[in-house]
Amino acid sequence: MTNEEAHRLAREKGVSRPLYAAVRLALVPLLRLYFRMHISGSEHIPRAGAAILAPNHKSFYDSFFIALATRRHLRFMGKTELFEGFGGRLLVRLGAFPVRRGEADAEALATARAILDQGGLLALFPEGTRVRDPETLGQPRRGAGRLALESGAPMVPAAITGTDRLWLGPIPKPKRVQLTFAEPIHVAEIAATPEEAGKLVEEALWPEVQSEFRRLLGRPGLIAACFAALGVGGGAIAVQHRRSSGRKRLPLIGKPLRFRRKPARLSRARARLRRKPRRWGRR
C-alpha cells in the first residue's frame, strides 16, 4: 500500500467501526490487567468535536494505550514503513495514517487537517519522535500548535509513563503504565501565526505536559504504597499501644521490656521502715 493510497483511505473512509470495536473489546481487558494501567483526567477529553491530544512520546504503542482512555475513535500518525503491504490497510482502518519521519510531511499534515475538519480526535506528539530515556522529555516542535490554531481545535496536554522498553524479546514486560490528561487549552481567540504557534507549545502546552509527567514519575506503585501504608499504620498502632499500656516497647518486635530502677538510697530507706519500732526508755 502506497502512502498516497493510505492518506486517501484515511481521509475518505477513516476508521472501521466494527473492526475498531472488536479490537478494543479484545485489548482493553488485556492491557488494563497485564500492564496495570492507571488513567486519570480522562474527563478532560472532549466528548465530541475536533480535539488534539498532545502527550509525550516513549513508544510506538503509546497511541494504543491512549485509545483506551476514551470511547471515541482515536486517529494517530505512524511511520511510513508500517503501512507497506496488507497490514497498512488494517492500520488505516484502526485510525492510523503514515508520516515521513525526520522531515516536513505536507501530505501527513493535510490528512491531520482533514481529520480535525471532520470533527475527529487526533493524537499528536509534540516531540515528533520517541525519547527512549524513561525519566526525560525531548524538545517540542510547533507543528501541533500550528494545527490547533489553523483548525481551532483545543489541545489537551497529556503524559504517559511505562511504555518504554516494553518487550523482553517476544514477551511484553508486565510494567505499570500510567496515563494522565490535563485541562484543555482553548485556542479559538489566538491568531494563527508561526510566532503564536511557538508560544502556544512552549509556554502553555509543554509546561503542562512536563508537570503531569513529573507527577506520574513521583507517584508510588501499588506495592510500594501498600508497604508505606503498613509502615505508617503499624507505627501508629505501636505508639498507641505503648501509651495505653504505660510500658516501653520496641517498635513492632519482641515482648514489652520492663525497666525497674532500684536506687540504693531508696532501698536502704525502705529497709529501715520495715524494722520494728524501737521503744524508748527500755534497754
C-alpha atoms as a PDB file:
ATOM      1  CA  MET A   1       0.000   0.000   0.000  1.00  0.00           C
ATOM      2  CA  THR A   2       1.485   3.344  -1.073  1.00  0.00           C
ATOM      3  CA  ASN A   3       1.455   6.492   1.040  1.00  0.00           C
ATOM      4  CA  GLU A   4      -0.964   8.174  -1.343  1.00  0.00           C
ATOM      5  CA  GLU A   5      -3.423   5.299  -1.054  1.00  0.00           C
ATOM      6  CA  ALA A   6      -3.110   5.277   2.733  1.00  0.00           C
ATOM      7  CA  HIS A   7      -3.778   9.015   3.010  1.00  0.00           C
ATOM      8  CA  ARG A   8      -6.743   8.833   0.642  1.00  0.00           C
ATOM      9  CA  LEU A   9      -8.237   5.945   2.609  1.00  0.00           C
ATOM     10  CA  ALA A  10      -7.650   7.759   5.921  1.00  0.00           C
ATOM     11  CA  ARG A  11      -9.387  10.926   4.685  1.00  0.00           C
ATOM     12  CA  GLU A  12     -12.296   9.347   2.843  1.00  0.00           C
ATOM     13  CA  LYS A  13     -13.193   6.293   4.933  1.00  0.00           C
ATOM     14  CA  GLY A  14     -11.156   6.538   8.114  1.00  0.00           C
ATOM     15  CA  VAL A  15     -11.929   4.196  10.994  1.00  0.00           C
ATOM     16  CA  SER A  16     -13.877   0.962  10.507  1.00  0.00           C
ATOM     17  CA  ARG A  17     -16.372   0.944  13.372  1.00  0.00           C
ATOM     18  CA  PRO A  18     -16.816  -2.873  13.594  1.00  0.00           C
ATOM     19  CA  LEU A  19     -13.055  -3.501  13.424  1.00  0.00           C
ATOM     20  CA  TYR A  20     -12.261  -0.770  15.950  1.00  0.00           C
ATOM     21  CA  ALA A  21     -14.907  -2.091  18.357  1.00  0.00           C
ATOM     22  CA  ALA A  22     -13.679  -5.693  18.055  1.00  0.00           C
ATOM     23  CA  VAL A  23     -10.018  -4.778  18.656  1.00  0.00           C
ATOM     24  CA  ARG A  24     -10.932  -2.517  21.539  1.00  0.00           C
ATOM     25  CA  LEU A  25     -13.072  -5.238  23.127  1.00  0.00           C
ATOM     26  CA  ALA A  26     -10.157  -7.679  22.925  1.00  0.00           C
ATOM     27  CA  LEU A  27      -7.374  -5.323  24.042  1.00  0.00           C
ATOM     28  CA  VAL A  28      -8.962  -3.269  26.837  1.00  0.00           C
ATOM     29  CA  PRO A  29      -9.157  -6.062  29.471  1.00  0.00           C
ATOM     30  CA  LEU A  30      -5.757  -7.468  28.473  1.00  0.00           C
ATOM     31  CA  LEU A  31      -3.850  -4.180  28.562  1.00  0.00           C
ATOM     32  CA  ARG A  32      -5.580  -2.879  31.679  1.00  0.00           C
ATOM     33  CA  LEU A  33      -4.858  -6.046  33.674  1.00  0.00           C
ATOM     34  CA  TYR A  34      -1.462  -7.063  32.328  1.00  0.00           C
ATOM     35  CA  PHE A  35       0.044  -3.573  32.393  1.00  0.00           C
ATOM     36  CA  ARG A  36      -1.918  -2.443  35.481  1.00  0.00           C
ATOM     37  CA  MET A  37      -2.984   0.716  33.685  1.00  0.00           C
ATOM     38  CA  HIS A  38      -3.825   3.795  35.705  1.00  0.00           C
ATOM     39  CA  ILE A  39      -5.709   6.516  33.809  1.00  0.00           C
ATOM     40  CA  SER A  40      -6.580   9.878  35.354  1.00  0.00           C
ATOM     41  CA  GLY A  41      -8.090  13.054  33.954  1.00  0.00           C
ATOM     42  CA  SER A  42      -9.893  11.331  31.071  1.00  0.00           C
ATOM     43  CA  GLU A  43     -12.869  13.621  31.751  1.00  0.00           C
ATOM     44  CA  HIS A  44     -10.824  16.424  30.147  1.00  0.00           C
ATOM     45  CA  ILE A  45     -11.050  14.731  26.733  1.00  0.00           C
ATOM     46  CA  PRO A  46     -13.884  16.444  24.784  1.00  0.00           C
ATOM     47  CA  ARG A  47     -16.749  14.060  24.159  1.00  0.00           C
ATOM     48  CA  ALA A  48     -17.442  15.498  20.711  1.00  0.00           C
ATOM     49  CA  GLY A  49     -15.853  17.797  18.164  1.00  0.00           C
ATOM     50  CA  ALA A  50     -12.305  18.257  16.944  1.00  0.00           C
ATOM     51  CA  ALA A  51      -9.571  17.999  19.570  1.00  0.00           C
ATOM     52  CA  ILE A  52      -5.833  17.288  19.755  1.00  0.00           C
ATOM     53  CA  LEU A  53      -4.380  15.069  22.460  1.00  0.00           C
ATOM     54  CA  ALA A  54      -0.747  16.114  22.960  1.00  0.00           C
ATOM     55  CA  PRO A  55       1.252  13.667  25.135  1.00  0.00           C
ATOM     56  CA  ASN A  56       4.952  12.918  25.399  1.00  0.00           C
ATOM     57  CA  HIS A  57       6.231  10.043  23.270  1.00  0.00           C
ATOM     58  CA  LYS A  58       8.019   6.945  24.638  1.00  0.00           C
ATOM     59  CA  SER A  59       6.919   4.069  22.429  1.00  0.00           C
ATOM     60  CA  PHE A  60       5.108   3.102  19.242  1.00  0.00           C
ATOM     61  CA  TYR A  61       2.412   1.630  21.494  1.00  0.00           C
ATOM     62  CA  ASP A  62       1.627   4.986  23.150  1.00  0.00           C
ATOM     63  CA  SER A  63      -1.290   5.591  20.788  1.00  0.00           C
ATOM     64  CA  PHE A  64      -2.887   2.236  21.614  1.00  0.00           C
ATOM     65  CA  PHE A  65      -2.742   2.936  25.354  1.00  0.00           C
ATOM     66  CA  ILE A  66      -4.121   6.447  24.805  1.00  0.00           C
ATOM     67  CA  ALA A  67      -7.018   4.977  22.814  1.00  0.00           C
ATOM     68  CA  LEU A  68      -8.094   3.047  25.937  1.00  0.00           C
ATOM     69  CA  ALA A  69      -8.790   6.306  27.779  1.00  0.00           C
ATOM     70  CA  THR A  70     -11.736   7.294  25.576  1.00  0.00           C
ATOM     71  CA  ARG A  71     -14.559   5.621  23.699  1.00  0.00           C
ATOM     72  CA  ARG A  72     -14.060   7.996  20.776  1.00  0.00           C
ATOM     73  CA  HIS A  73     -12.188   6.796  17.690  1.00  0.00           C
ATOM     74  CA  LEU A  74      -8.593   7.969  18.048  1.00  0.00           C
ATOM     75  CA  ARG A  75      -6.594   8.971  14.956  1.00  0.00           C
ATOM     76  CA  PHE A  76      -2.800   8.976  15.035  1.00  0.00           C
ATOM     77  CA  MET A  77       0.335   9.012  12.864  1.00  0.00           C
ATOM     78  CA  GLY A  78       2.711   6.109  12.233  1.00  0.00           C
ATOM     79  CA  LYS A  79       5.970   5.789  10.322  1.00  0.00           C
ATOM     80  CA  THR A  80       5.564   5.024   6.639  1.00  0.00           C
ATOM     81  CA  GLU A  81       7.288   1.610   6.875  1.00  0.00           C
ATOM     82  CA  LEU A  82       4.360   0.245   8.886  1.00  0.00           C
ATOM     83  CA  PHE A  83       1.904   0.792   6.038  1.00  0.00           C
ATOM     84  CA  GLU A  84       3.548  -1.472   3.481  1.00  0.00           C
ATOM     85  CA  GLY A  85       1.503  -4.484   2.430  1.00  0.00           C
ATOM     86  CA  PHE A  86      -1.836  -5.652   3.804  1.00  0.00           C
ATOM     87  CA  GLY A  87      -1.015  -4.516   7.334  1.00  0.00           C
ATOM     88  CA  GLY A  88      -1.082  -0.912   6.185  1.00  0.00           C
ATOM     89  CA  ARG A  89      -4.763  -1.065   5.250  1.00  0.00           C
ATOM     90  CA  LEU A  90      -5.527  -2.646   8.640  1.00  0.00           C
ATOM     91  CA  LEU A  91      -3.709   0.163  10.471  1.00  0.00           C
ATOM     92  CA  VAL A  92      -5.552   2.837   8.500  1.00  0.00           C
ATOM     93  CA  ARG A  93      -8.912   1.275   9.348  1.00  0.00           C
ATOM     94  CA  LEU A  94      -7.824   1.317  13.016  1.00  0.00           C
ATOM     95  CA  GLY A  95      -7.222   5.086  12.857  1.00  0.00           C
ATOM     96  CA  ALA A  96      -3.591   5.461  11.783  1.00  0.00           C
ATOM     97  CA  PHE A  97      -2.103   7.300   8.790  1.00  0.00           C
ATOM     98  CA  PRO A  98       1.520   7.484   7.575  1.00  0.00           C
ATOM     99  CA  VAL A  99       4.107  10.201   8.184  1.00  0.00           C
ATOM    100  CA  ARG A 100       7.684  10.516   6.959  1.00  0.00           C
ATOM    101  CA  ARG A 101       9.883  10.981  10.000  1.00  0.00           C
ATOM    102  CA  GLY A 102      12.702  13.498  10.155  1.00  0.00           C
ATOM    103  CA  GLU A 103      11.229  15.845   7.536  1.00  0.00           C
ATOM    104  CA  ALA A 104       8.249  18.084   6.912  1.00  0.00           C
ATOM    105  CA  ASP A 105       5.500  15.860   5.516  1.00  0.00           C
ATOM    106  CA  ALA A 106       2.890  18.056   3.839  1.00  0.00           C
ATOM    107  CA  GLU A 107       0.710  15.041   2.997  1.00  0.00           C
ATOM    108  CA  ALA A 108       0.531  13.949   6.637  1.00  0.00           C
ATOM    109  CA  LEU A 109      -0.326  17.495   7.744  1.00  0.00           C
ATOM    110  CA  ALA A 110      -3.079  17.661   5.131  1.00  0.00           C
ATOM    111  CA  THR A 111      -4.564  14.397   6.426  1.00  0.00           C
ATOM    112  CA  ALA A 112      -4.386  15.687  10.007  1.00  0.00           C
ATOM    113  CA  ARG A 113      -6.241  18.876   8.992  1.00  0.00           C
ATOM    114  CA  ALA A 114      -8.893  16.822   7.197  1.00  0.00           C
ATOM    115  CA  ILE A 115      -9.446  14.708  10.322  1.00  0.00           C
ATOM    116  CA  LEU A 116      -9.842  17.812  12.502  1.00  0.00           C
ATOM    117  CA  ASP A 117     -12.158  19.432   9.931  1.00  0.00           C
ATOM    118  CA  GLN A 118     -14.327  16.305  10.189  1.00  0.00           C
ATOM    119  CA  GLY A 119     -14.515  16.756  13.980  1.00  0.00           C
ATOM    120  CA  GLY A 120     -12.139  13.900  14.783  1.00  0.00           C
ATOM    121  CA  LEU A 121      -9.944  13.217  17.786  1.00  0.00           C
ATOM    122  CA  LEU A 122      -6.249  13.326  16.880  1.00  0.00           C
ATOM    123  CA  ALA A 123      -3.270  12.176  18.985  1.00  0.00           C
ATOM    124  CA  LEU A 124      -0.218  14.242  18.080  1.00  0.00           C
ATOM    125  CA  PHE A 125       3.161  14.009  19.796  1.00  0.00           C
ATOM    126  CA  PRO A 126       4.831  17.441  20.058  1.00  0.00           C
ATOM    127  CA  GLU A 127       8.312  15.886  20.390  1.00  0.00           C
ATOM    128  CA  GLY A 128       7.967  14.454  16.891  1.00  0.00           C
ATOM    129  CA  THR A 129       9.894  11.294  17.759  1.00  0.00           C
ATOM    130  CA  ARG A 130      10.295   8.833  20.608  1.00  0.00           C
ATOM    131  CA  VAL A 131      12.502   9.717  23.581  1.00  0.00           C
ATOM    132  CA  ARG A 132      13.956   6.493  24.962  1.00  0.00           C
ATOM    133  CA  ASP A 133      15.037   7.773  28.372  1.00  0.00           C
ATOM    134  CA  PRO A 134      12.163   6.913  30.771  1.00  0.00           C
ATOM    135  CA  GLU A 135      12.798   9.948  33.002  1.00  0.00           C
ATOM    136  CA  THR A 136      13.357  12.769  30.494  1.00  0.00           C
ATOM    137  CA  LEU A 137      11.392  14.556  27.790  1.00  0.00           C
ATOM    138  CA  GLY A 138      12.505  15.895  24.441  1.00  0.00           C
ATOM    139  CA  GLN A 139      12.116  19.321  22.898  1.00  0.00           C
ATOM    140  CA  PRO A 140       8.652  20.098  21.494  1.00  0.00           C
ATOM    141  CA  ARG A 141       8.029  21.325  17.967  1.00  0.00           C
ATOM    142  CA  ARG A 142       5.461  23.874  16.937  1.00  0.00           C
ATOM    143  CA  GLY A 143       3.626  21.612  14.468  1.00  0.00           C
ATOM    144  CA  ALA A 144       0.951  20.627  16.987  1.00  0.00           C
ATOM    145  CA  GLY A 145       0.345  24.301  17.840  1.00  0.00           C
ATOM    146  CA  ARG A 146       0.120  25.198  14.177  1.00  0.00           C
ATOM    147  CA  LEU A 147      -2.541  22.540  13.524  1.00  0.00           C
ATOM    148  CA  ALA A 148      -4.516  23.637  16.590  1.00  0.00           C
ATOM    149  CA  LEU A 149      -4.523  27.309  15.562  1.00  0.00           C
ATOM    150  CA  GLU A 150      -5.442  26.567  11.945  1.00  0.00           C
ATOM    151  CA  SER A 151      -8.326  24.258  12.904  1.00  0.00           C
ATOM    152  CA  GLY A 152      -9.426  25.953  16.136  1.00  0.00           C
ATOM    153  CA  ALA A 153      -9.297  22.580  17.926  1.00  0.00           C
ATOM    154  CA  PRO A 154      -8.492  22.644  21.672  1.00  0.00           C
ATOM    155  CA  MET A 155      -5.301  20.946  22.822  1.00  0.00           C
ATOM    156  CA  VAL A 156      -5.337  18.506  25.735  1.00  0.00           C
ATOM    157  CA  PRO A 157      -1.921  18.171  27.452  1.00  0.00           C
ATOM    158  CA  ALA A 158      -1.182  14.585  28.447  1.00  0.00           C
ATOM    159  CA  ALA A 159       1.636  12.485  29.895  1.00  0.00           C
ATOM    160  CA  ILE A 160       2.388   8.775  29.732  1.00  0.00           C
ATOM    161  CA  THR A 161       4.964   6.598  31.520  1.00  0.00           C
ATOM    162  CA  GLY A 162       5.836   2.904  31.495  1.00  0.00           C
ATOM    163  CA  THR A 163       5.655   2.239  27.748  1.00  0.00           C
ATOM    164  CA  ASP A 164       9.416   2.447  27.146  1.00  0.00           C
ATOM    165  CA  ARG A 165      11.341  -0.844  26.764  1.00  0.00           C
ATOM    166  CA  LEU A 166       8.056  -2.705  26.830  1.00  0.00           C
ATOM    167  CA  TRP A 167       9.258  -6.009  25.366  1.00  0.00           C
ATOM    168  CA  LEU A 168      11.628  -8.683  26.638  1.00  0.00           C
ATOM    169  CA  GLY A 169      12.254 -10.495  23.369  1.00  0.00           C
ATOM    170  CA  PRO A 170       8.841 -11.662  22.095  1.00  0.00           C
ATOM    171  CA  ILE A 171       7.227 -11.297  25.532  1.00  0.00           C
ATOM    172  CA  PRO A 172       5.837  -7.978  26.837  1.00  0.00           C
ATOM    173  CA  LYS A 173       7.050  -6.975  30.276  1.00  0.00           C
ATOM    174  CA  PRO A 174       4.314  -6.631  32.930  1.00  0.00           C
ATOM    175  CA  LYS A 175       5.195  -2.991  33.555  1.00  0.00           C
ATOM    176  CA  ARG A 176       2.869  -0.436  35.098  1.00  0.00           C
ATOM    177  CA  VAL A 177       1.600   2.063  32.519  1.00  0.00           C
ATOM    178  CA  GLN A 178       0.287   5.422  33.757  1.00  0.00           C
ATOM    179  CA  LEU A 179      -1.598   7.990  31.712  1.00  0.00           C
ATOM    180  CA  THR A 180      -2.989  11.364  32.696  1.00  0.00           C
ATOM    181  CA  PHE A 181      -4.714  14.284  30.982  1.00  0.00           C
ATOM    182  CA  ALA A 182      -4.785  17.969  31.976  1.00  0.00           C
ATOM    183  CA  GLU A 183      -7.447  20.574  31.239  1.00  0.00           C
ATOM    184  CA  PRO A 184      -7.847  21.550  27.557  1.00  0.00           C
ATOM    185  CA  ILE A 185      -6.162  24.649  26.182  1.00  0.00           C
ATOM    186  CA  HIS A 186      -8.630  26.589  24.014  1.00  0.00           C
ATOM    187  CA  VAL A 187      -7.113  28.416  21.051  1.00  0.00           C
ATOM    188  CA  ALA A 188     -10.111  29.930  19.263  1.00  0.00           C
ATOM    189  CA  GLU A 189      -9.095  33.520  20.088  1.00  0.00           C
ATOM    190  CA  ILE A 190      -5.384  33.154  19.217  1.00  0.00           C
ATOM    191  CA  ALA A 191      -4.112  34.317  15.824  1.00  0.00           C
ATOM    192  CA  ALA A 192      -2.877  31.544  13.534  1.00  0.00           C
ATOM    193  CA  THR A 193       0.733  32.718  13.101  1.00  0.00           C
ATOM    194  CA  PRO A 194       4.046  30.832  13.464  1.00  0.00           C
ATOM    195  CA  GLU A 195       5.003  33.030  16.429  1.00  0.00           C
ATOM    196  CA  GLU A 196       1.764  32.306  18.279  1.00  0.00           C
ATOM    197  CA  ALA A 197       2.098  28.604  17.470  1.00  0.00           C
ATOM    198  CA  GLY A 198       5.545  28.595  19.093  1.00  0.00           C
ATOM    199  CA  LYS A 199       4.271  30.408  22.187  1.00  0.00           C
ATOM    200  CA  LEU A 200       1.298  28.081  22.454  1.00  0.00           C
ATOM    201  CA  VAL A 201       3.508  24.975  22.522  1.00  0.00           C
ATOM    202  CA  GLU A 202       6.458  26.276  24.546  1.00  0.00           C
ATOM    203  CA  GLU A 203       4.647  28.458  27.098  1.00  0.00           C
ATOM    204  CA  ALA A 204       1.230  26.850  27.513  1.00  0.00           C
ATOM    205  CA  LEU A 205       1.202  23.225  26.320  1.00  0.00           C
ATOM    206  CA  TRP A 206       4.629  21.825  27.166  1.00  0.00           C
ATOM    207  CA  PRO A 207       4.857  23.118  30.775  1.00  0.00           C
ATOM    208  CA  GLU A 208       1.611  21.241  31.488  1.00  0.00           C
ATOM    209  CA  VAL A 209       2.983  18.064  29.898  1.00  0.00           C
ATOM    210  CA  GLN A 210       6.184  18.370  31.959  1.00  0.00           C
ATOM    211  CA  SER A 211       4.228  18.928  35.169  1.00  0.00           C
ATOM    212  CA  GLU A 212       1.995  15.886  34.596  1.00  0.00           C
ATOM    213  CA  PHE A 213       4.991  13.756  33.588  1.00  0.00           C
ATOM    214  CA  ARG A 214       6.883  14.621  36.795  1.00  0.00           C
ATOM    215  CA  ARG A 215       3.777  13.859  38.829  1.00  0.00           C
ATOM    216  CA  LEU A 216       3.497  10.393  37.272  1.00  0.00           C
ATOM    217  CA  LEU A 217       7.173   9.667  37.947  1.00  0.00           C
ATOM    218  CA  GLY A 218       6.732  10.668  41.594  1.00  0.00           C
ATOM    219  CA  ARG A 219       3.634   8.540  42.121  1.00  0.00           C
ATOM    220  CA  PRO A 220       4.429   5.319  44.071  1.00  0.00           C
ATOM    221  CA  GLY A 221       3.383   1.982  42.654  1.00  0.00           C
ATOM    222  CA  LEU A 222       0.644  -0.109  44.240  1.00  0.00           C
ATOM    223  CA  ILE A 223       3.007  -2.429  46.129  1.00  0.00           C
ATOM    224  CA  ALA A 224       5.144   0.446  47.398  1.00  0.00           C
ATOM    225  CA  ALA A 225       2.047   2.319  48.504  1.00  0.00           C
ATOM    226  CA  CYS A 226       0.791  -0.729  50.448  1.00  0.00           C
ATOM    227  CA  PHE A 227       4.116  -1.130  52.244  1.00  0.00           C
ATOM    228  CA  ALA A 228       4.190   2.578  53.042  1.00  0.00           C
ATOM    229  CA  ALA A 229       0.660   2.427  54.429  1.00  0.00           C
ATOM    230  CA  LEU A 230       1.521  -0.614  56.546  1.00  0.00           C
ATOM    231  CA  GLY A 231       4.612   1.109  57.870  1.00  0.00           C
ATOM    232  CA  VAL A 232       2.763   4.251  58.892  1.00  0.00           C
ATOM    233  CA  GLY A 233      -0.203   2.300  60.280  1.00  0.00           C
ATOM    234  CA  GLY A 234       1.993  -0.135  62.191  1.00  0.00           C
ATOM    235  CA  GLY A 235       3.993   2.677  63.753  1.00  0.00           C
ATOM    236  CA  ALA A 236       0.835   4.465  64.860  1.00  0.00           C
ATOM    237  CA  ILE A 237      -0.563   1.266  66.413  1.00  0.00           C
ATOM    238  CA  ALA A 238       2.682   0.646  68.304  1.00  0.00           C
ATOM    239  CA  VAL A 239       2.740   4.195  69.688  1.00  0.00           C
ATOM    240  CA  GLN A 240      -0.904   3.998  70.765  1.00  0.00           C
ATOM    241  CA  HIS A 241      -0.376   0.631  72.496  1.00  0.00           C
ATOM    242  CA  ARG A 242       2.701   1.916  74.286  1.00  0.00           C
ATOM    243  CA  ARG A 243       0.782   4.923  75.584  1.00  0.00           C
ATOM    244  CA  SER A 244      -2.137   2.825  76.771  1.00  0.00           C
ATOM    245  CA  SER A 245      -0.038   0.165  78.499  1.00  0.00           C
ATOM    246  CA  GLY A 246       2.488   2.523  80.079  1.00  0.00           C
ATOM    247  CA  ARG A 247       5.312   0.203  79.138  1.00  0.00           C
ATOM    248  CA  LYS A 248       8.247   0.800  76.872  1.00  0.00           C
ATOM    249  CA  ARG A 249       8.132  -1.351  73.749  1.00  0.00           C
ATOM    250  CA  LEU A 250      10.499  -1.789  70.896  1.00  0.00           C
ATOM    251  CA  PRO A 251       8.625  -0.877  67.686  1.00  0.00           C
ATOM    252  CA  LEU A 252       6.714  -3.791  66.178  1.00  0.00           C
ATOM    253  CA  ILE A 253       9.004  -6.567  67.501  1.00  0.00           C
ATOM    254  CA  GLY A 254       9.632  -8.507  70.696  1.00  0.00           C
ATOM    255  CA  LYS A 255       7.810  -8.523  74.016  1.00  0.00           C
ATOM    256  CA  PRO A 256       7.379  -5.456  76.208  1.00  0.00           C
ATOM    257  CA  LEU A 257      10.504  -4.664  78.165  1.00  0.00           C
ATOM    258  CA  ARG A 258      10.071  -3.693  81.796  1.00  0.00           C
ATOM    259  CA  PHE A 259      12.684  -1.408  83.226  1.00  0.00           C
ATOM    260  CA  ARG A 260      12.827  -1.435  87.059  1.00  0.00           C
ATOM    261  CA  ARG A 261      15.058   1.012  88.755  1.00  0.00           C
ATOM    262  CA  LYS A 262      16.001   0.492  92.438  1.00  0.00           C
ATOM    263  CA  PRO A 263      18.288   3.228  93.658  1.00  0.00           C
ATOM    264  CA  ALA A 264      20.479   2.203  96.586  1.00  0.00           C
ATOM    265  CA  ARG A 265      19.368   5.012  98.885  1.00  0.00           C
ATOM    266  CA  LEU A 266      15.694   4.233  98.345  1.00  0.00           C
ATOM    267  CA  SER A 267      16.245   0.548  99.134  1.00  0.00           C
ATOM    268  CA  ARG A 268      18.007   1.325 102.459  1.00  0.00           C
ATOM    269  CA  ALA A 269      15.252   3.737 103.481  1.00  0.00           C
ATOM    270  CA  ARG A 270      12.590   1.092 102.863  1.00  0.00           C
ATOM    271  CA  ALA A 271      14.621  -1.434 104.882  1.00  0.00           C
ATOM    272  CA  ARG A 272      14.669   0.883 107.925  1.00  0.00           C
ATOM    273  CA  LEU A 273      10.896   1.335 107.752  1.00  0.00           C
ATOM    274  CA  ARG A 274      10.374  -2.418 107.824  1.00  0.00           C
ATOM    275  CA  ARG A 275      12.210  -2.746 111.180  1.00  0.00           C
ATOM    276  CA  LYS A 276      10.160  -2.889 114.377  1.00  0.00           C
ATOM    277  CA  PRO A 277       9.676   0.444 116.086  1.00  0.00           C
ATOM    278  CA  ARG A 278      12.090   0.977 118.943  1.00  0.00           C
ATOM    279  CA  ARG A 279      10.525   1.562 122.399  1.00  0.00           C
ATOM    280  CA  TRP A 280      12.052   4.497 124.169  1.00  0.00           C
ATOM    281  CA  GLY A 281      13.091   4.059 127.772  1.00  0.00           C
ATOM    282  CA  ARG A 282      13.801   0.382 127.504  1.00  0.00           C
ATOM    283  CA  ARG A 283      17.277  -1.007 127.485  1.00  0.00           C
END
